[in-house]
Amino acid sequence: PNIGRMVEDMEFKMRNLLQEVYFGKTKDIVNDLRS
């Protein structure tokens, strides 16, 4: 359970980071460059 909680927390943080930063930034750039 110790390892499980660490992996679960890390995946949650990395999913949020991918969604909010990487995908969000990519979406902003694409919307600015292309319609």
PDB file of all heavy atoms in Angstrom:
ATOM      1  N   PRO A   1       0.814  -1.234   0.000  1.00  0.00           N
ATOM      2  CA  PRO A   1       0.000   0.000   0.000  1.00  0.00           C
ATOM      3  C   PRO A   1       0.837   1.269   0.000  1.00  0.00           C
ATOM      4  O   PRO A   1       0.411   2.288  -0.569  1.00  0.00           O
ATOM      5  CB  PRO A   1      -0.840  -0.126   1.273  1.00  0.00           C
ATOM      6  CG  PRO A   1      -0.159  -1.144   2.111  1.00  0.00           C
ATOM      7  CD  PRO A   1       0.515  -2.072   1.172  1.00  0.00           C
ATOM      8  N   ASN A   2       2.019   1.249   0.616  1.00  0.00           N
ATOM      9  CA  ASN A   2       2.883   2.431   0.585  1.00  0.00           C
ATOM     10  C   ASN A   2       3.296   2.760  -0.848  1.00  0.00           C
ATOM     11  O   ASN A   2       3.208   3.915  -1.300  1.00  0.00           O
ATOM     12  CB  ASN A   2       4.129   2.199   1.434  1.00  0.00           C
ATOM     13  CG  ASN A   2       3.838   2.246   2.925  1.00  0.00           C
ATOM     14  OD1 ASN A   2       2.769   2.679   3.349  1.00  0.00           O
ATOM     15  ND2 ASN A   2       4.780   1.797   3.733  1.00  0.00           N
ATOM     16  N   ILE A   3       3.757   1.746  -1.564  1.00  0.00           N
ATOM     17  CA  ILE A   3       4.175   1.946  -2.957  1.00  0.00           C
ATOM     18  C   ILE A   3       2.967   2.316  -3.813  1.00  0.00           C
ATOM     19  O   ILE A   3       3.042   3.195  -4.687  1.00  0.00           O
ATOM     20  CB  ILE A   3       4.857   0.674  -3.496  1.00  0.00           C
ATOM     21  CG1 ILE A   3       6.144   0.395  -2.708  1.00  0.00           C
ATOM     22  CG2 ILE A   3       5.157   0.799  -4.988  1.00  0.00           C
ATOM     23  CD1 ILE A   3       6.730  -0.980  -2.962  1.00  0.00           C
ATOM     24  N   GLY A   4       1.832   1.672  -3.538  1.00  0.00           N
ATOM     25  CA  GLY A   4       0.627   1.943  -4.307  1.00  0.00           C
ATOM     26  C   GLY A   4       0.172   3.390  -4.189  1.00  0.00           C
ATOM     27  O   GLY A   4      -0.190   4.021  -5.187  1.00  0.00           O
ATOM     28  N   ARG A   5       0.191   3.935  -2.964  1.00  0.00           N
ATOM     29  CA  ARG A   5      -0.226   5.326  -2.774  1.00  0.00           C
ATOM     30  C   ARG A   5       0.729   6.288  -3.458  1.00  0.00           C
ATOM     31  O   ARG A   5       0.303   7.301  -4.039  1.00  0.00           O
ATOM     32  CB  ARG A   5      -0.318   5.645  -1.275  1.00  0.00           C
ATOM     33  CG  ARG A   5      -1.590   5.124  -0.617  1.00  0.00           C
ATOM     34  CD  ARG A   5      -1.739   5.688   0.785  1.00  0.00           C
ATOM     35  NE  ARG A   5      -0.699   5.220   1.696  1.00  0.00           N
ATOM     36  CZ  ARG A   5      -0.801   4.112   2.429  1.00  0.00           C
ATOM     37  NH1 ARG A   5      -1.913   3.386   2.367  1.00  0.00           N
ATOM     38  NH2 ARG A   5       0.171   3.751   3.235  1.00  0.00           N
ATOM     39  N   MET A   6       2.031   5.995  -3.404  1.00  0.00           N
ATOM     40  CA  MET A   6       2.998   6.871  -4.059  1.00  0.00           C
ATOM     41  C   MET A   6       2.796   6.880  -5.573  1.00  0.00           C
ATOM     42  O   MET A   6       2.820   7.946  -6.212  1.00  0.00           O
ATOM     43  CB  MET A   6       4.420   6.430  -3.716  1.00  0.00           C
ATOM     44  CG  MET A   6       4.820   6.660  -2.271  1.00  0.00           C
ATOM     45  SD  MET A   6       6.549   6.212  -1.947  1.00  0.00           S
ATOM     46  CE  MET A   6       7.422   7.466  -2.882  1.00  0.00           C
ATOM     47  N   VAL A   7       2.590   5.713  -6.163  1.00  0.00           N
ATOM     48  CA  VAL A   7       2.363   5.630  -7.606  1.00  0.00           C
ATOM     49  C   VAL A   7       1.057   6.318  -7.987  1.00  0.00           C
ATOM     50  O   VAL A   7       0.991   7.075  -8.968  1.00  0.00           O
ATOM     51  CB  VAL A   7       2.357   4.156  -8.064  1.00  0.00           C
ATOM     52  CG1 VAL A   7       1.873   4.037  -9.509  1.00  0.00           C
ATOM     53  CG2 VAL A   7       3.750   3.549  -7.926  1.00  0.00           C
ATOM     54  N   GLU A   8       0.010   6.091  -7.201  1.00  0.00           N
ATOM     55  CA  GLU A   8      -1.288   6.714  -7.479  1.00  0.00           C
ATOM     56  C   GLU A   8      -1.194   8.234  -7.421  1.00  0.00           C
ATOM     57  O   GLU A   8      -1.694   8.933  -8.318  1.00  0.00           O
ATOM     58  CB  GLU A   8      -2.321   6.215  -6.466  1.00  0.00           C
ATOM     59  CG  GLU A   8      -3.714   6.765  -6.692  1.00  0.00           C
ATOM     60  CD  GLU A   8      -4.699   6.276  -5.656  1.00  0.00           C
ATOM     61  OE1 GLU A   8      -4.260   5.779  -4.593  1.00  0.00           O
ATOM     62  OE2 GLU A   8      -5.914   6.387  -5.896  1.00  0.00           O
ATOM     63  N   ASP A   9      -0.553   8.759  -6.383  1.00  0.00           N
ATOM     64  CA  ASP A   9      -0.408  10.219  -6.255  1.00  0.00           C
ATOM     65  C   ASP A   9       0.420  10.796  -7.400  1.00  0.00           C
ATOM     66  O   ASP A   9       0.099  11.861  -7.942  1.00  0.00           O
ATOM     67  CB  ASP A   9       0.233  10.571  -4.911  1.00  0.00           C
ATOM     68  CG  ASP A   9      -0.670  10.287  -3.736  1.00  0.00           C
ATOM     69  OD1 ASP A   9      -1.893  10.111  -3.948  1.00  0.00           O
ATOM     70  OD2 ASP A   9      -0.161  10.221  -2.590  1.00  0.00           O
ATOM     71  N   MET A  10       1.495  10.105  -7.761  1.00  0.00           N
ATOM     72  CA  MET A  10       2.358  10.597  -8.832  1.00  0.00           C
ATOM     73  C   MET A  10       1.623  10.598 -10.171  1.00  0.00           C
ATOM     74  O   MET A  10       1.721  11.564 -10.948  1.00  0.00           O
ATOM     75  CB  MET A  10       3.618   9.740  -8.928  1.00  0.00           C
ATOM     76  CG  MET A  10       4.594  10.195  -9.995  1.00  0.00           C
ATOM     77  SD  MET A  10       5.275  11.841  -9.677  1.00  0.00           S
ATOM     78  CE  MET A  10       6.574  11.417  -8.496  1.00  0.00           C
ATOM     79  N   GLU A  11       0.874   9.552 -10.467  1.00  0.00           N
ATOM     80  CA  GLU A  11       0.135   9.511 -11.727  1.00  0.00           C
ATOM     81  C   GLU A  11      -0.926  10.605 -11.774  1.00  0.00           C
ATOM     82  O   GLU A  11      -1.156  11.222 -12.820  1.00  0.00           O
ATOM     83  CB  GLU A  11      -0.507   8.134 -11.922  1.00  0.00           C
ATOM     84  CG  GLU A  11       0.483   7.040 -12.250  1.00  0.00           C
ATOM     85  CD  GLU A  11      -0.115   5.973 -13.140  1.00  0.00           C
ATOM     86  OE1 GLU A  11      -1.321   5.694 -13.002  1.00  0.00           O
ATOM     87  OE2 GLU A  11       0.624   5.425 -13.982  1.00  0.00           O
ATOM     88  N   PHE A  12      -1.583  10.863 -10.647  1.00  0.00           N
ATOM     89  CA  PHE A  12      -2.590  11.921 -10.585  1.00  0.00           C
ATOM     90  C   PHE A  12      -1.959  13.280 -10.886  1.00  0.00           C
ATOM     91  O   PHE A  12      -2.485  14.071 -11.676  1.00  0.00           O
ATOM     92  CB  PHE A  12      -3.240  11.927  -9.207  1.00  0.00           C
ATOM     93  CG  PHE A  12      -4.275  13.005  -9.024  1.00  0.00           C
ATOM     94  CD1 PHE A  12      -5.539  12.876  -9.585  1.00  0.00           C
ATOM     95  CD2 PHE A  12      -3.982  14.153  -8.304  1.00  0.00           C
ATOM     96  CE1 PHE A  12      -6.494  13.872  -9.422  1.00  0.00           C
ATOM     97  CE2 PHE A  12      -4.927  15.156  -8.135  1.00  0.00           C
ATOM     98  CZ  PHE A  12      -6.187  15.011  -8.702  1.00  0.00           C
ATOM     99  N   LYS A  13      -0.813  13.559 -10.279  1.00  0.00           N
ATOM    100  CA  LYS A  13      -0.136  14.836 -10.499  1.00  0.00           C
ATOM    101  C   LYS A  13       0.340  14.975 -11.946  1.00  0.00           C
ATOM    102  O   LYS A  13       0.217  16.045 -12.555  1.00  0.00           O
ATOM    103  CB  LYS A  13       1.053  14.966  -9.541  1.00  0.00           C
ATOM    104  CG  LYS A  13       0.655  15.103  -8.080  1.00  0.00           C
ATOM    105  CD  LYS A  13       1.879  15.121  -7.177  1.00  0.00           C
ATOM    106  CE  LYS A  13       1.473  15.209  -5.706  1.00  0.00           C
ATOM    107  NZ  LYS A  13       2.644  15.148  -4.800  1.00  0.00           N
ATOM    108  N   MET A  14       0.874  13.898 -12.490  1.00  0.00           N
ATOM    109  CA  MET A  14       1.395  13.966 -13.854  1.00  0.00           C
ATOM    110  C   MET A  14       0.270  14.074 -14.881  1.00  0.00           C
ATOM    111  O   MET A  14       0.409  14.776 -15.891  1.00  0.00           O
ATOM    112  CB  MET A  14       2.280  12.744 -14.139  1.00  0.00           C
ATOM    113  CG  MET A  14       3.540  12.712 -13.276  1.00  0.00           C
ATOM    114  SD  MET A  14       4.582  11.262 -13.528  1.00  0.00           S
ATOM    115  CE  MET A  14       5.471  11.730 -15.011  1.00  0.00           C
ATOM    116  N   ARG A  15      -0.857  13.420 -14.636  1.00  0.00           N
ATOM    117  CA  ARG A  15      -2.006  13.570 -15.536  1.00  0.00           C
ATOM    118  C   ARG A  15      -2.506  15.010 -15.531  1.00  0.00           C
ATOM    119  O   ARG A  15      -2.814  15.578 -16.586  1.00  0.00           O
ATOM    120  CB  ARG A  15      -3.132  12.618 -15.115  1.00  0.00           C
ATOM    121  CG  ARG A  15      -2.995  11.206 -15.648  1.00  0.00           C
ATOM    122  CD  ARG A  15      -4.309  10.454 -15.550  1.00  0.00           C
ATOM    123  NE  ARG A  15      -4.770  10.334 -14.175  1.00  0.00           N
ATOM    124  CZ  ARG A  15      -4.507   9.305 -13.372  1.00  0.00           C
ATOM    125  NH1 ARG A  15      -3.779   8.298 -13.838  1.00  0.00           N
ATOM    126  NH2 ARG A  15      -4.973   9.261 -12.142  1.00  0.00           N
ATOM    127  N   ASN A  16      -2.597  15.597 -14.341  1.00  0.00           N
ATOM    128  CA  ASN A  16      -3.047  16.987 -14.253  1.00  0.00           C
ATOM    129  C   ASN A  16      -2.074  17.936 -14.951  1.00  0.00           C
ATOM    130  O   ASN A  16      -2.480  18.885 -15.624  1.00  0.00           O
ATOM    131  CB  ASN A  16      -3.210  17.406 -12.792  1.00  0.00           C
ATOM    132  CG  ASN A  16      -4.462  16.821 -12.170  1.00  0.00           C
ATOM    133  OD1 ASN A  16      -5.363  16.362 -12.871  1.00  0.00           O
ATOM    134  ND2 ASN A  16      -4.519  16.819 -10.854  1.00  0.00           N
ATOM    135  N   LEU A  17      -0.781  17.677 -14.772  1.00  0.00           N
ATOM    136  CA  LEU A  17       0.228  18.518 -15.400  1.00  0.00           C
ATOM    137  C   LEU A  17       0.152  18.414 -16.918  1.00  0.00           C
ATOM    138  O   LEU A  17       0.240  19.419 -17.633  1.00  0.00           O
ATOM    139  CB  LEU A  17       1.618  18.121 -14.903  1.00  0.00           C
ATOM    140  CG  LEU A  17       2.770  19.056 -15.256  1.00  0.00           C
ATOM    141  CD1 LEU A  17       2.537  20.446 -14.677  1.00  0.00           C
ATOM    142  CD2 LEU A  17       4.091  18.492 -14.718  1.00  0.00           C
ATOM    143  N   LEU A  18      -0.035  17.202 -17.423  1.00  0.00           N
ATOM    144  CA  LEU A  18      -0.170  17.017 -18.867  1.00  0.00           C
ATOM    145  C   LEU A  18      -1.403  17.742 -19.397  1.00  0.00           C
ATOM    146  O   LEU A  18      -1.353  18.408 -20.438  1.00  0.00           O
ATOM    147  CB  LEU A  18      -0.275  15.520 -19.193  1.00  0.00           C
ATOM    148  CG  LEU A  18       1.023  14.718 -19.176  1.00  0.00           C
ATOM    149  CD1 LEU A  18       0.716  13.225 -19.209  1.00  0.00           C
ATOM    150  CD2 LEU A  18       1.906  15.089 -20.354  1.00  0.00           C
ATOM    151  N   GLN A  19      -2.505  17.634 -18.672  1.00  0.00           N
ATOM    152  CA  GLN A  19      -3.755  18.225 -19.131  1.00  0.00           C
ATOM    153  C   GLN A  19      -3.730  19.748 -19.063  1.00  0.00           C
ATOM    154  O   GLN A  19      -4.116  20.427 -20.015  1.00  0.00           O
ATOM    155  CB  GLN A  19      -4.916  17.694 -18.295  1.00  0.00           C
ATOM    156  CG  GLN A  19      -6.275  18.259 -18.716  1.00  0.00           C
ATOM    157  CD  GLN A  19      -7.409  17.651 -17.920  1.00  0.00           C
ATOM    158  OE1 GLN A  19      -7.228  16.659 -17.229  1.00  0.00           O
ATOM    159  NE2 GLN A  19      -8.579  18.252 -18.007  1.00  0.00           N
ATOM    160  N   GLU A  20      -3.260  20.285 -17.945  1.00  0.00           N
ATOM    161  CA  GLU A  20      -3.345  21.725 -17.731  1.00  0.00           C
ATOM    162  C   GLU A  20      -2.220  22.497 -18.427  1.00  0.00           C
ATOM    163  O   GLU A  20      -2.444  23.582 -18.952  1.00  0.00           O
ATOM    164  CB  GLU A  20      -3.317  22.022 -16.240  1.00  0.00           C
ATOM    165  CG  GLU A  20      -4.526  21.458 -15.488  1.00  0.00           C
ATOM    166  CD  GLU A  20      -4.399  21.632 -13.996  1.00  0.00           C
ATOM    167  OE1 GLU A  20      -3.434  22.300 -13.564  1.00  0.00           O
ATOM    168  OE2 GLU A  20      -5.239  21.103 -13.253  1.00  0.00           O
ATOM    169  N   VAL A  21      -1.028  21.942 -18.393  1.00  0.00           N
ATOM    170  CA  VAL A  21       0.125  22.670 -18.938  1.00  0.00           C
ATOM    171  C   VAL A  21       0.399  22.283 -20.388  1.00  0.00           C
ATOM    172  O   VAL A  21       0.368  23.121 -21.292  1.00  0.00           O
ATOM    173  CB  VAL A  21       1.378  22.438 -18.073  1.00  0.00           C
ATOM    174  CG1 VAL A  21       2.565  23.172 -18.674  1.00  0.00           C
ATOM    175  CG2 VAL A  21       1.129  22.896 -16.639  1.00  0.00           C
ATOM    176  N   TYR A  22       0.634  21.009 -20.630  1.00  0.00           N
ATOM    177  CA  TYR A  22       1.057  20.592 -21.957  1.00  0.00           C
ATOM    178  C   TYR A  22      -0.076  20.704 -22.970  1.00  0.00           C
ATOM    179  O   TYR A  22       0.061  21.342 -24.009  1.00  0.00           O
ATOM    180  CB  TYR A  22       1.603  19.159 -21.911  1.00  0.00           C
ATOM    181  CG  TYR A  22       2.954  19.069 -21.249  1.00  0.00           C
ATOM    182  CD1 TYR A  22       3.090  19.140 -19.869  1.00  0.00           C
ATOM    183  CD2 TYR A  22       4.114  18.941 -22.011  1.00  0.00           C
ATOM    184  CE1 TYR A  22       4.329  19.081 -19.254  1.00  0.00           C
ATOM    185  CE2 TYR A  22       5.363  18.880 -21.412  1.00  0.00           C
ATOM    186  CZ  TYR A  22       5.458  18.950 -20.028  1.00  0.00           C
ATOM    187  OH  TYR A  22       6.689  18.901 -19.430  1.00  0.00           O
ATOM    188  N   PHE A  23      -1.229  20.082 -22.670  1.00  0.00           N
ATOM    189  CA  PHE A  23      -2.344  20.156 -23.619  1.00  0.00           C
ATOM    190  C   PHE A  23      -2.911  21.566 -23.687  1.00  0.00           C
ATOM    191  O   PHE A  23      -3.284  22.041 -24.757  1.00  0.00           O
ATOM    192  CB  PHE A  23      -3.437  19.164 -23.224  1.00  0.00           C
ATOM    193  CG  PHE A  23      -3.087  17.736 -23.537  1.00  0.00           C
ATOM    194  CD1 PHE A  23      -2.830  16.841 -22.521  1.00  0.00           C
ATOM    195  CD2 PHE A  23      -2.998  17.300 -24.839  1.00  0.00           C
ATOM    196  CE1 PHE A  23      -2.496  15.528 -22.799  1.00  0.00           C
ATOM    197  CE2 PHE A  23      -2.668  15.998 -25.133  1.00  0.00           C
ATOM    198  CZ  PHE A  23      -2.417  15.104 -24.102  1.00  0.00           C
ATOM    199  N   GLY A  24      -3.017  22.235 -22.525  1.00  0.00           N
ATOM    200  CA  GLY A  24      -3.544  23.591 -22.520  1.00  0.00           C
ATOM    201  C   GLY A  24      -2.690  24.544 -23.324  1.00  0.00           C
ATOM    202  O   GLY A  24      -3.204  25.355 -24.118  1.00  0.00           O
ATOM    203  N   LYS A  25      -1.370  24.458 -23.148  1.00  0.00           N
ATOM    204  CA  LYS A  25      -0.467  25.335 -23.889  1.00  0.00           C
ATOM    205  C   LYS A  25      -0.492  25.028 -25.384  1.00  0.00           C
ATOM    206  O   LYS A  25      -0.498  25.941 -26.227  1.00  0.00           O
ATOM    207  CB  LYS A  25       0.966  25.175 -23.353  1.00  0.00           C
ATOM    208  CG  LYS A  25       1.943  26.208 -23.881  1.00  0.00           C
ATOM    209  CD  LYS A  25       1.565  27.607 -23.437  1.00  0.00           C
ATOM    210  CE  LYS A  25       2.596  28.629 -23.869  1.00  0.00           C
ATOM    211  NZ  LYS A  25       2.209  30.004 -23.493  1.00  0.00           N
ATOM    212  N   THR A  26      -0.522  23.739 -25.715  1.00  0.00           N
ATOM    213  CA  THR A  26      -0.581  23.353 -27.125  1.00  0.00           C
ATOM    214  C   THR A  26      -1.860  23.867 -27.776  1.00  0.00           C
ATOM    215  O   THR A  26      -1.859  24.363 -28.911  1.00  0.00           O
ATOM    216  CB  THR A  26      -0.514  21.823 -27.263  1.00  0.00           C
ATOM    217  OG1 THR A  26       0.711  21.356 -26.688  1.00  0.00           O
ATOM    218  CG2 THR A  26      -0.567  21.408 -28.725  1.00  0.00           C
ATOM    219  N   LYS A  27      -2.973  23.775 -27.055  1.00  0.00           N
ATOM    220  CA  LYS A  27      -4.253  24.270 -27.575  1.00  0.00           C
ATOM    221  C   LYS A  27      -4.196  25.771 -27.827  1.00  0.00           C
ATOM    222  O   LYS A  27      -4.682  26.256 -28.856  1.00  0.00           O
ATOM    223  CB  LYS A  27      -5.371  23.935 -26.585  1.00  0.00           C
ATOM    224  CG  LYS A  27      -6.756  24.353 -27.057  1.00  0.00           C
ATOM    225  CD  LYS A  27      -7.813  23.964 -26.043  1.00  0.00           C
ATOM    226  CE  LYS A  27      -9.193  24.402 -26.491  1.00  0.00           C
ATOM    227  NZ  LYS A  27     -10.231  24.041 -25.488  1.00  0.00           N
ATOM    228  N   ASP A  28      -3.616  26.530 -26.882  1.00  0.00           N
ATOM    229  CA  ASP A  28      -3.512  27.981 -27.059  1.00  0.00           C
ATOM    230  C   ASP A  28      -2.685  28.331 -28.286  1.00  0.00           C
ATOM    231  O   ASP A  28      -3.047  29.226 -29.067  1.00  0.00           O
ATOM    232  CB  ASP A  28      -2.886  28.615 -25.813  1.00  0.00           C
ATOM    233  CG  ASP A  28      -3.810  28.545 -24.603  1.00  0.00           C
ATOM    234  OD1 ASP A  28      -5.017  28.342 -24.800  1.00  0.00           O
ATOM    235  OD2 ASP A  28      -3.305  28.658 -23.471  1.00  0.00           O
ATOM    236  N   ILE A  29      -1.570  27.621 -28.464  1.00  0.00           N
ATOM    237  CA  ILE A  29      -0.688  27.910 -29.597  1.00  0.00           C
ATOM    238  C   ILE A  29      -1.391  27.599 -30.920  1.00  0.00           C
ATOM    239  O   ILE A  29      -1.358  28.388 -31.869  1.00  0.00           O
ATOM    240  CB  ILE A  29       0.619  27.108 -29.481  1.00  0.00           C
ATOM    241  CG1 ILE A  29       1.434  27.605 -28.273  1.00  0.00           C
ATOM    242  CG2 ILE A  29       1.452  27.221 -30.757  1.00  0.00           C
ATOM    243  CD1 ILE A  29       2.656  26.768 -27.960  1.00  0.00           C
ATOM    244  N   VAL A  30      -2.042  26.423 -30.974  1.00  0.00           N
ATOM    245  CA  VAL A  30      -2.734  26.026 -32.206  1.00  0.00           C
ATOM    246  C   VAL A  30      -3.853  27.007 -32.533  1.00  0.00           C
ATOM    247  O   VAL A  30      -4.050  27.402 -33.688  1.00  0.00           O
ATOM    248  CB  VAL A  30      -3.283  24.592 -32.076  1.00  0.00           C
ATOM    249  CG1 VAL A  30      -4.193  24.254 -33.262  1.00  0.00           C
ATOM    250  CG2 VAL A  30      -2.140  23.593 -31.999  1.00  0.00           C
ATOM    251  N   ASN A  31      -4.613  27.423 -31.515  1.00  0.00           N
ATOM    252  CA  ASN A  31      -5.712  28.360 -31.754  1.00  0.00           C
ATOM    253  C   ASN A  31      -5.209  29.709 -32.251  1.00  0.00           C
ATOM    254  O   ASN A  31      -5.882  30.384 -33.033  1.00  0.00           O
ATOM    255  CB  ASN A  31      -6.530  28.550 -30.478  1.00  0.00           C
ATOM    256  CG  ASN A  31      -7.368  27.328 -30.145  1.00  0.00           C
ATOM    257  OD1 ASN A  31      -7.631  26.498 -31.013  1.00  0.00           O
ATOM    258  ND2 ASN A  31      -7.790  27.209 -28.900  1.00  0.00           N
ATOM    259  N   ASP A  32      -4.022  30.127 -31.779  1.00  0.00           N
ATOM    260  CA  ASP A  32      -3.453  31.392 -32.234  1.00  0.00           C
ATOM    261  C   ASP A  32      -2.911  31.307 -33.654  1.00  0.00           C
ATOM    262  O   ASP A  32      -2.960  32.278 -34.418  1.00  0.00           O
ATOM    263  CB  ASP A  32      -2.328  31.834 -31.291  1.00  0.00           C
ATOM    264  CG  ASP A  32      -2.861  32.314 -29.946  1.00  0.00           C
ATOM    265  OD1 ASP A  32      -4.069  32.632 -29.876  1.00  0.00           O
ATOM    266  OD2 ASP A  32      -2.080  32.355 -28.971  1.00  0.00           O
ATOM    267  N   LEU A  33      -2.386  30.141 -34.015  1.00  0.00           N
ATOM    268  CA  LEU A  33      -1.739  29.998 -35.315  1.00  0.00           C
ATOM    269  C   LEU A  33      -2.691  29.586 -36.426  1.00  0.00           C
ATOM    270  O   LEU A  33      -2.474  29.906 -37.588  1.00  0.00           O
ATOM    271  CB  LEU A  33      -0.615  28.954 -35.221  1.00  0.00           C
ATOM    272  CG  LEU A  33       0.582  29.319 -34.346  1.00  0.00           C
ATOM    273  CD1 LEU A  33       1.564  28.154 -34.298  1.00  0.00           C
ATOM    274  CD2 LEU A  33       1.276  30.558 -34.888  1.00  0.00           C
ATOM    275  N   ARG A  34      -3.761  28.867 -36.053  1.00  0.00           N
ATOM    276  CA  ARG A  34      -4.586  28.280 -37.099  1.00  0.00           C
ATOM    277  C   ARG A  34      -6.045  28.263 -36.689  1.00  0.00           C
ATOM    278  O   ARG A  34      -6.368  27.987 -35.543  1.00  0.00           O
ATOM    279  CB  ARG A  34      -4.120  26.845 -37.374  1.00  0.00           C
ATOM    280  CG  ARG A  34      -4.902  26.134 -38.464  1.00  0.00           C
ATOM    281  CD  ARG A  34      -4.385  24.734 -38.641  1.00  0.00           C
ATOM    282  NE  ARG A  34      -5.083  24.044 -39.705  1.00  0.00           N
ATOM    283  CZ  ARG A  34      -4.910  22.747 -39.986  1.00  0.00           C
ATOM    284  NH1 ARG A  34      -4.068  22.044 -39.271  1.00  0.00           N
ATOM    285  NH2 ARG A  34      -5.579  22.187 -40.975  1.00  0.00           N
ATOM    286  N   SER A  35      -6.905  28.533 -37.639  1.00  0.00           N
ATOM    287  CA  SER A  35      -8.346  28.460 -37.419  1.00  0.00           C
ATOM    288  C   SER A  35      -8.915  27.324 -38.258  1.00  0.00           C
ATOM    289  O   SER A  35      -8.568  27.165 -39.433  1.00  0.00           O
ATOM    290  CB  SER A  35      -9.022  29.777 -37.810  1.00  0.00           C
ATOM    291  OG  SER A  35     -10.430  29.650 -37.751  1.00  0.00           O
TER     292      SER A  35
END
